N, C-alpha and C. Protein backbone atom coordinates (compact mmCIF):
# COMPACT_ATOMS: atom_id res chain seq x y z
N MET A 1 12.29 -10.87 4.65
CA MET A 1 11.26 -11.23 5.59
C MET A 1 10.92 -10.06 6.52
N ILE A 2 11.95 -9.32 6.93
CA ILE A 2 11.73 -8.17 7.81
C ILE A 2 10.92 -7.11 7.07
N ARG A 3 11.23 -6.88 5.81
CA ARG A 3 10.48 -5.89 5.02
C ARG A 3 9.00 -6.26 4.92
N LEU A 4 8.73 -7.53 4.70
CA LEU A 4 7.35 -7.99 4.62
C LEU A 4 6.62 -7.76 5.93
N LEU A 5 7.28 -8.06 7.03
CA LEU A 5 6.69 -7.83 8.35
C LEU A 5 6.44 -6.34 8.58
N ILE A 6 7.38 -5.50 8.21
CA ILE A 6 7.21 -4.05 8.36
C ILE A 6 6.06 -3.56 7.50
N ARG A 7 5.97 -4.04 6.27
CA ARG A 7 4.85 -3.66 5.39
C ARG A 7 3.51 -4.08 5.99
N ALA A 8 3.47 -5.28 6.55
CA ALA A 8 2.22 -5.77 7.15
C ALA A 8 1.82 -4.90 8.33
N VAL A 9 2.78 -4.54 9.18
CA VAL A 9 2.49 -3.68 10.33
C VAL A 9 2.02 -2.31 9.85
N VAL A 10 2.72 -1.75 8.87
CA VAL A 10 2.33 -0.44 8.33
C VAL A 10 0.92 -0.51 7.76
N TYR A 11 0.61 -1.55 7.03
CA TYR A 11 -0.73 -1.63 6.44
C TYR A 11 -1.79 -1.82 7.50
N LEU A 12 -1.54 -2.66 8.50
CA LEU A 12 -2.52 -2.85 9.57
C LEU A 12 -2.75 -1.56 10.35
N VAL A 13 -1.69 -0.84 10.66
CA VAL A 13 -1.83 0.43 11.37
C VAL A 13 -2.59 1.43 10.50
N SER A 14 -2.26 1.49 9.22
CA SER A 14 -2.93 2.41 8.30
C SER A 14 -4.42 2.07 8.17
N ALA A 15 -4.74 0.79 8.04
CA ALA A 15 -6.14 0.37 7.94
C ALA A 15 -6.88 0.68 9.23
N ALA A 16 -6.23 0.45 10.37
CA ALA A 16 -6.86 0.77 11.65
C ALA A 16 -7.17 2.27 11.75
N ILE A 17 -6.24 3.09 11.33
CA ILE A 17 -6.46 4.54 11.35
C ILE A 17 -7.64 4.90 10.45
N GLY A 18 -7.69 4.32 9.25
CA GLY A 18 -8.79 4.60 8.33
C GLY A 18 -10.14 4.20 8.90
N LEU A 19 -10.22 3.03 9.50
CA LEU A 19 -11.48 2.57 10.09
C LEU A 19 -11.88 3.43 11.28
N ILE A 20 -10.92 3.80 12.12
CA ILE A 20 -11.22 4.62 13.29
C ILE A 20 -11.68 6.01 12.89
N VAL A 21 -11.03 6.60 11.89
CA VAL A 21 -11.44 7.94 11.43
C VAL A 21 -12.86 7.89 10.86
N ALA A 22 -13.14 6.89 10.03
CA ALA A 22 -14.49 6.77 9.45
C ALA A 22 -15.53 6.60 10.56
N SER A 23 -15.20 5.81 11.57
CA SER A 23 -16.12 5.60 12.68
C SER A 23 -16.33 6.88 13.49
N ALA A 24 -15.29 7.67 13.63
CA ALA A 24 -15.40 8.92 14.39
C ALA A 24 -16.17 9.99 13.62
N VAL A 25 -16.06 9.99 12.31
CA VAL A 25 -16.68 11.03 11.48
C VAL A 25 -18.13 10.72 11.12
N LEU A 26 -18.44 9.46 10.91
CA LEU A 26 -19.76 9.07 10.42
C LEU A 26 -20.61 8.44 11.52
N ASP A 27 -21.84 8.92 11.66
CA ASP A 27 -22.74 8.40 12.68
C ASP A 27 -23.17 6.95 12.44
N ASP A 28 -23.27 6.54 11.18
CA ASP A 28 -23.76 5.21 10.85
C ASP A 28 -22.64 4.21 10.51
N PHE A 29 -21.43 4.53 10.89
CA PHE A 29 -20.26 3.67 10.66
C PHE A 29 -19.73 3.32 12.05
N HIS A 30 -19.98 2.08 12.50
CA HIS A 30 -19.68 1.70 13.88
C HIS A 30 -18.62 0.62 13.96
N LEU A 31 -17.64 0.86 14.79
CA LEU A 31 -16.66 -0.16 15.15
C LEU A 31 -16.98 -0.61 16.56
N HIS A 32 -17.06 -1.89 16.77
CA HIS A 32 -17.35 -2.43 18.09
C HIS A 32 -16.05 -2.96 18.68
N ALA A 33 -15.76 -2.51 19.90
CA ALA A 33 -14.48 -2.82 20.53
C ALA A 33 -14.20 -4.32 20.56
N GLY A 34 -15.19 -5.12 20.87
CA GLY A 34 -14.99 -6.56 20.98
C GLY A 34 -14.55 -7.22 19.69
N GLY A 35 -14.97 -6.69 18.56
CA GLY A 35 -14.64 -7.31 17.29
C GLY A 35 -13.74 -6.48 16.41
N PHE A 36 -13.15 -5.42 16.97
CA PHE A 36 -12.34 -4.51 16.15
C PHE A 36 -11.16 -5.21 15.51
N ILE A 37 -10.41 -5.98 16.27
CA ILE A 37 -9.22 -6.65 15.74
C ILE A 37 -9.61 -7.61 14.62
N VAL A 38 -10.69 -8.36 14.83
CA VAL A 38 -11.15 -9.30 13.80
C VAL A 38 -11.56 -8.53 12.55
N ALA A 39 -12.32 -7.45 12.72
CA ALA A 39 -12.74 -6.64 11.57
C ALA A 39 -11.53 -6.04 10.86
N LEU A 40 -10.55 -5.59 11.62
CA LEU A 40 -9.34 -5.00 11.04
C LEU A 40 -8.57 -6.03 10.21
N VAL A 41 -8.37 -7.21 10.77
CA VAL A 41 -7.62 -8.25 10.05
C VAL A 41 -8.38 -8.71 8.81
N ILE A 42 -9.68 -8.89 8.94
CA ILE A 42 -10.49 -9.30 7.77
C ILE A 42 -10.43 -8.22 6.70
N PHE A 43 -10.61 -6.96 7.10
CA PHE A 43 -10.55 -5.86 6.14
C PHE A 43 -9.19 -5.82 5.46
N ALA A 44 -8.12 -5.88 6.24
CA ALA A 44 -6.77 -5.79 5.68
C ALA A 44 -6.48 -6.96 4.73
N LEU A 45 -6.84 -8.17 5.12
CA LEU A 45 -6.61 -9.32 4.25
C LEU A 45 -7.44 -9.24 2.97
N ALA A 46 -8.70 -8.85 3.11
CA ALA A 46 -9.55 -8.72 1.93
C ALA A 46 -8.99 -7.66 0.99
N GLN A 47 -8.56 -6.54 1.54
CA GLN A 47 -8.00 -5.46 0.73
C GLN A 47 -6.72 -5.93 0.05
N LEU A 48 -5.89 -6.64 0.79
CA LEU A 48 -4.63 -7.13 0.26
C LEU A 48 -4.85 -8.11 -0.90
N ILE A 49 -5.84 -8.96 -0.78
CA ILE A 49 -6.13 -9.95 -1.82
C ILE A 49 -6.91 -9.34 -2.98
N LEU A 50 -7.92 -8.52 -2.65
CA LEU A 50 -8.80 -7.98 -3.68
C LEU A 50 -8.17 -6.90 -4.53
N GLY A 51 -7.30 -6.08 -3.94
CA GLY A 51 -6.70 -4.97 -4.68
C GLY A 51 -6.05 -5.42 -5.99
N PRO A 52 -5.07 -6.31 -5.94
CA PRO A 52 -4.42 -6.77 -7.17
C PRO A 52 -5.38 -7.52 -8.11
N PHE A 53 -6.30 -8.32 -7.53
CA PHE A 53 -7.25 -9.06 -8.36
C PHE A 53 -8.15 -8.11 -9.14
N ILE A 54 -8.74 -7.13 -8.45
CA ILE A 54 -9.63 -6.17 -9.12
C ILE A 54 -8.84 -5.35 -10.13
N ALA A 55 -7.62 -4.96 -9.80
CA ALA A 55 -6.79 -4.19 -10.73
C ALA A 55 -6.55 -4.99 -12.01
N ARG A 56 -6.27 -6.27 -11.87
CA ARG A 56 -6.01 -7.12 -13.04
C ARG A 56 -7.27 -7.24 -13.90
N VAL A 57 -8.41 -7.46 -13.26
CA VAL A 57 -9.67 -7.59 -14.00
C VAL A 57 -9.99 -6.30 -14.73
N VAL A 58 -9.84 -5.17 -14.04
CA VAL A 58 -10.15 -3.88 -14.67
C VAL A 58 -9.15 -3.58 -15.79
N ARG A 59 -7.89 -3.86 -15.57
CA ARG A 59 -6.86 -3.60 -16.60
C ARG A 59 -7.16 -4.40 -17.86
N ASN A 60 -7.64 -5.63 -17.70
CA ASN A 60 -7.93 -6.48 -18.85
C ASN A 60 -9.24 -6.13 -19.54
N ASN A 61 -10.21 -5.56 -18.80
CA ASN A 61 -11.54 -5.37 -19.35
C ASN A 61 -11.99 -3.92 -19.49
N ALA A 62 -11.52 -3.04 -18.63
CA ALA A 62 -12.00 -1.65 -18.67
C ALA A 62 -10.91 -0.73 -18.12
N GLU A 63 -9.85 -0.56 -18.88
CA GLU A 63 -8.68 0.17 -18.42
C GLU A 63 -8.99 1.60 -17.98
N ALA A 64 -10.03 2.20 -18.52
CA ALA A 64 -10.39 3.57 -18.15
C ALA A 64 -10.82 3.67 -16.69
N LEU A 65 -11.22 2.57 -16.10
CA LEU A 65 -11.69 2.56 -14.71
C LEU A 65 -10.58 2.21 -13.71
N LEU A 66 -9.35 2.11 -14.16
CA LEU A 66 -8.25 1.67 -13.31
C LEU A 66 -8.07 2.56 -12.08
N GLY A 67 -8.36 3.85 -12.21
CA GLY A 67 -8.20 4.76 -11.07
C GLY A 67 -9.14 4.46 -9.92
N GLY A 68 -10.25 3.81 -10.17
CA GLY A 68 -11.21 3.51 -9.12
C GLY A 68 -11.00 2.19 -8.42
N VAL A 69 -9.94 1.49 -8.75
CA VAL A 69 -9.69 0.16 -8.18
C VAL A 69 -9.57 0.23 -6.66
N GLY A 70 -8.88 1.22 -6.14
CA GLY A 70 -8.72 1.36 -4.70
C GLY A 70 -10.05 1.53 -3.99
N LEU A 71 -10.91 2.35 -4.58
CA LEU A 71 -12.23 2.57 -3.98
C LEU A 71 -13.07 1.29 -4.02
N VAL A 72 -13.05 0.60 -5.16
CA VAL A 72 -13.83 -0.63 -5.29
C VAL A 72 -13.32 -1.70 -4.32
N SER A 73 -12.01 -1.87 -4.23
CA SER A 73 -11.48 -2.90 -3.33
C SER A 73 -11.73 -2.52 -1.87
N THR A 74 -11.71 -1.22 -1.55
CA THR A 74 -12.03 -0.78 -0.20
C THR A 74 -13.48 -1.09 0.13
N PHE A 75 -14.38 -0.79 -0.80
CA PHE A 75 -15.80 -1.08 -0.59
C PHE A 75 -16.04 -2.57 -0.37
N VAL A 76 -15.46 -3.40 -1.22
CA VAL A 76 -15.67 -4.85 -1.10
C VAL A 76 -15.05 -5.37 0.20
N ALA A 77 -13.88 -4.84 0.57
CA ALA A 77 -13.25 -5.26 1.82
C ALA A 77 -14.10 -4.86 3.03
N LEU A 78 -14.69 -3.65 2.99
CA LEU A 78 -15.60 -3.23 4.06
C LEU A 78 -16.82 -4.13 4.12
N LEU A 79 -17.35 -4.48 2.95
CA LEU A 79 -18.51 -5.37 2.89
C LEU A 79 -18.20 -6.72 3.53
N ILE A 80 -17.08 -7.30 3.16
CA ILE A 80 -16.68 -8.60 3.71
C ILE A 80 -16.47 -8.48 5.23
N ALA A 81 -15.77 -7.43 5.66
CA ALA A 81 -15.50 -7.26 7.09
C ALA A 81 -16.78 -7.05 7.89
N SER A 82 -17.77 -6.40 7.28
CA SER A 82 -19.02 -6.17 8.00
C SER A 82 -19.89 -7.43 8.06
N LEU A 83 -19.72 -8.32 7.08
CA LEU A 83 -20.50 -9.56 7.05
C LEU A 83 -19.92 -10.65 7.95
N ILE A 84 -18.60 -10.64 8.12
CA ILE A 84 -17.92 -11.65 8.92
C ILE A 84 -17.61 -11.03 10.29
N GLY A 85 -18.11 -11.61 11.31
CA GLY A 85 -17.87 -11.09 12.65
C GLY A 85 -18.80 -9.92 12.97
N ASP A 86 -18.61 -9.37 14.15
CA ASP A 86 -19.47 -8.27 14.57
C ASP A 86 -18.69 -7.02 14.94
N GLY A 87 -17.51 -6.86 14.40
CA GLY A 87 -16.68 -5.71 14.73
C GLY A 87 -16.97 -4.46 13.94
N LEU A 88 -17.67 -4.61 12.80
CA LEU A 88 -17.94 -3.47 11.93
C LEU A 88 -19.39 -3.50 11.50
N GLU A 89 -20.05 -2.35 11.66
CA GLU A 89 -21.46 -2.22 11.26
C GLU A 89 -21.62 -0.90 10.51
N ILE A 90 -22.13 -0.98 9.29
CA ILE A 90 -22.35 0.22 8.48
C ILE A 90 -23.80 0.23 8.06
N ASN A 91 -24.50 1.33 8.37
CA ASN A 91 -25.93 1.44 8.08
C ASN A 91 -26.20 2.59 7.12
N GLY A 92 -26.89 2.30 6.02
CA GLY A 92 -27.30 3.33 5.09
C GLY A 92 -26.34 3.52 3.93
N VAL A 93 -26.90 3.89 2.80
CA VAL A 93 -26.12 4.08 1.58
C VAL A 93 -25.09 5.19 1.75
N ALA A 94 -25.50 6.29 2.37
CA ALA A 94 -24.57 7.42 2.56
C ALA A 94 -23.36 7.01 3.39
N ALA A 95 -23.59 6.22 4.43
CA ALA A 95 -22.48 5.77 5.27
C ALA A 95 -21.56 4.82 4.50
N TRP A 96 -22.14 3.98 3.64
CA TRP A 96 -21.32 3.09 2.82
C TRP A 96 -20.45 3.87 1.85
N ILE A 97 -21.04 4.86 1.19
CA ILE A 97 -20.27 5.64 0.22
C ILE A 97 -19.22 6.49 0.91
N ALA A 98 -19.66 7.26 1.92
CA ALA A 98 -18.71 8.13 2.63
C ALA A 98 -17.65 7.30 3.36
N GLY A 99 -18.06 6.19 3.96
CA GLY A 99 -17.11 5.33 4.66
C GLY A 99 -16.06 4.77 3.73
N THR A 100 -16.48 4.35 2.56
CA THR A 100 -15.53 3.83 1.56
C THR A 100 -14.51 4.89 1.19
N VAL A 101 -14.98 6.10 0.91
CA VAL A 101 -14.07 7.18 0.50
C VAL A 101 -13.14 7.56 1.66
N ILE A 102 -13.69 7.69 2.86
CA ILE A 102 -12.86 8.08 4.01
C ILE A 102 -11.81 7.02 4.32
N VAL A 103 -12.23 5.76 4.40
CA VAL A 103 -11.27 4.69 4.70
C VAL A 103 -10.20 4.61 3.62
N TRP A 104 -10.60 4.70 2.37
CA TRP A 104 -9.63 4.65 1.26
C TRP A 104 -8.64 5.81 1.35
N LEU A 105 -9.13 7.02 1.54
CA LEU A 105 -8.28 8.20 1.56
C LEU A 105 -7.35 8.21 2.78
N VAL A 106 -7.92 7.97 3.96
CA VAL A 106 -7.11 7.99 5.18
C VAL A 106 -6.08 6.86 5.16
N THR A 107 -6.47 5.69 4.70
CA THR A 107 -5.53 4.57 4.62
C THR A 107 -4.40 4.89 3.64
N ALA A 108 -4.74 5.49 2.51
CA ALA A 108 -3.71 5.86 1.52
C ALA A 108 -2.72 6.86 2.11
N ILE A 109 -3.23 7.87 2.80
CA ILE A 109 -2.35 8.87 3.41
C ILE A 109 -1.52 8.24 4.52
N ALA A 110 -2.17 7.46 5.37
CA ALA A 110 -1.46 6.83 6.49
C ALA A 110 -0.38 5.87 5.99
N THR A 111 -0.62 5.20 4.87
CA THR A 111 0.38 4.28 4.32
C THR A 111 1.65 5.02 3.92
N MET A 112 1.51 6.30 3.59
CA MET A 112 2.69 7.11 3.26
C MET A 112 3.33 7.71 4.51
N VAL A 113 2.53 8.07 5.51
CA VAL A 113 3.03 8.77 6.69
C VAL A 113 3.59 7.82 7.75
N VAL A 114 2.93 6.69 7.98
CA VAL A 114 3.33 5.76 9.04
C VAL A 114 4.79 5.28 8.87
N PRO A 115 5.25 4.90 7.67
CA PRO A 115 6.66 4.49 7.55
C PRO A 115 7.62 5.62 7.97
N TYR A 116 7.30 6.85 7.60
CA TYR A 116 8.13 7.98 7.99
C TYR A 116 8.20 8.09 9.52
N LEU A 117 7.05 7.95 10.18
CA LEU A 117 7.01 8.04 11.64
C LEU A 117 7.77 6.89 12.29
N LEU A 118 7.69 5.70 11.71
CA LEU A 118 8.44 4.55 12.24
C LEU A 118 9.94 4.76 12.10
N VAL A 119 10.38 5.27 10.96
CA VAL A 119 11.80 5.54 10.76
C VAL A 119 12.26 6.62 11.74
N LYS A 120 11.46 7.66 11.88
CA LYS A 120 11.80 8.75 12.80
C LYS A 120 11.92 8.23 14.23
N ALA A 121 10.98 7.37 14.65
CA ALA A 121 11.03 6.79 15.99
C ALA A 121 12.26 5.89 16.15
N GLY A 122 12.61 5.14 15.10
CA GLY A 122 13.79 4.28 15.14
C GLY A 122 15.07 5.07 15.27
N VAL A 123 15.16 6.17 14.52
CA VAL A 123 16.34 7.04 14.59
C VAL A 123 16.45 7.65 15.99
N LYS A 124 15.34 8.10 16.54
CA LYS A 124 15.34 8.68 17.89
C LYS A 124 15.79 7.64 18.91
N HIS A 125 15.31 6.41 18.77
CA HIS A 125 15.68 5.34 19.68
C HIS A 125 17.19 5.07 19.62
N VAL A 126 17.74 5.03 18.42
CA VAL A 126 19.18 4.79 18.25
C VAL A 126 19.97 5.94 18.86
N ARG A 127 19.53 7.17 18.61
CA ARG A 127 20.22 8.33 19.18
C ARG A 127 20.16 8.32 20.70
N ASP A 128 18.99 7.96 21.25
CA ASP A 128 18.86 7.90 22.71
C ASP A 128 19.78 6.83 23.30
N ASP A 129 19.92 5.70 22.59
CA ASP A 129 20.82 4.64 23.06
C ASP A 129 22.28 5.11 23.01
N ASP A 130 22.63 5.90 21.97
CA ASP A 130 23.99 6.40 21.84
C ASP A 130 24.31 7.43 22.92
N ASP A 131 23.30 8.18 23.38
CA ASP A 131 23.49 9.22 24.39
C ASP A 131 23.53 8.66 25.80
N ALA A 132 23.07 7.44 25.99
CA ALA A 132 23.03 6.84 27.32
C ALA A 132 24.44 6.52 27.78
N PRO A 133 24.71 6.76 29.07
CA PRO A 133 26.06 6.43 29.58
C PRO A 133 26.28 4.92 29.59
N ASP A 134 27.50 4.54 29.33
CA ASP A 134 27.87 3.13 29.35
C ASP A 134 27.85 2.63 30.79
N PRO A 135 27.19 1.48 31.00
CA PRO A 135 27.22 0.93 32.36
C PRO A 135 28.62 0.44 32.69
N ALA A 136 29.12 0.86 33.79
CA ALA A 136 30.49 0.49 34.14
C ALA A 136 30.56 -0.33 35.39
């Protein structure tokens, strides 16, 4: 159960980083503060559900396209997140394409880096607790 919770936190943080980077880099990719959390949760849930589903469909019907599953599921998750709520707004074909690639790439990298940073922070916390004087 703890592992599942850690994975969920890592994925939410990674998705948030991907969305924030895309919003910072692209003029037509907007995150609205009031709906950011809703957009993040919708995006993360859609990605979580769609990724395996799209992979299964592609594996059964067009195995040569399996490498693009992440991009397709990211695009569909962005589409769903932009349609539900008002936390995400993407205008123009270029912003959709670039946003999909940026969110996919940054989220993939962050998913590898964030666990390392969490472990490093945990080790530092344990070491700091060990260095603290015992209350007497």
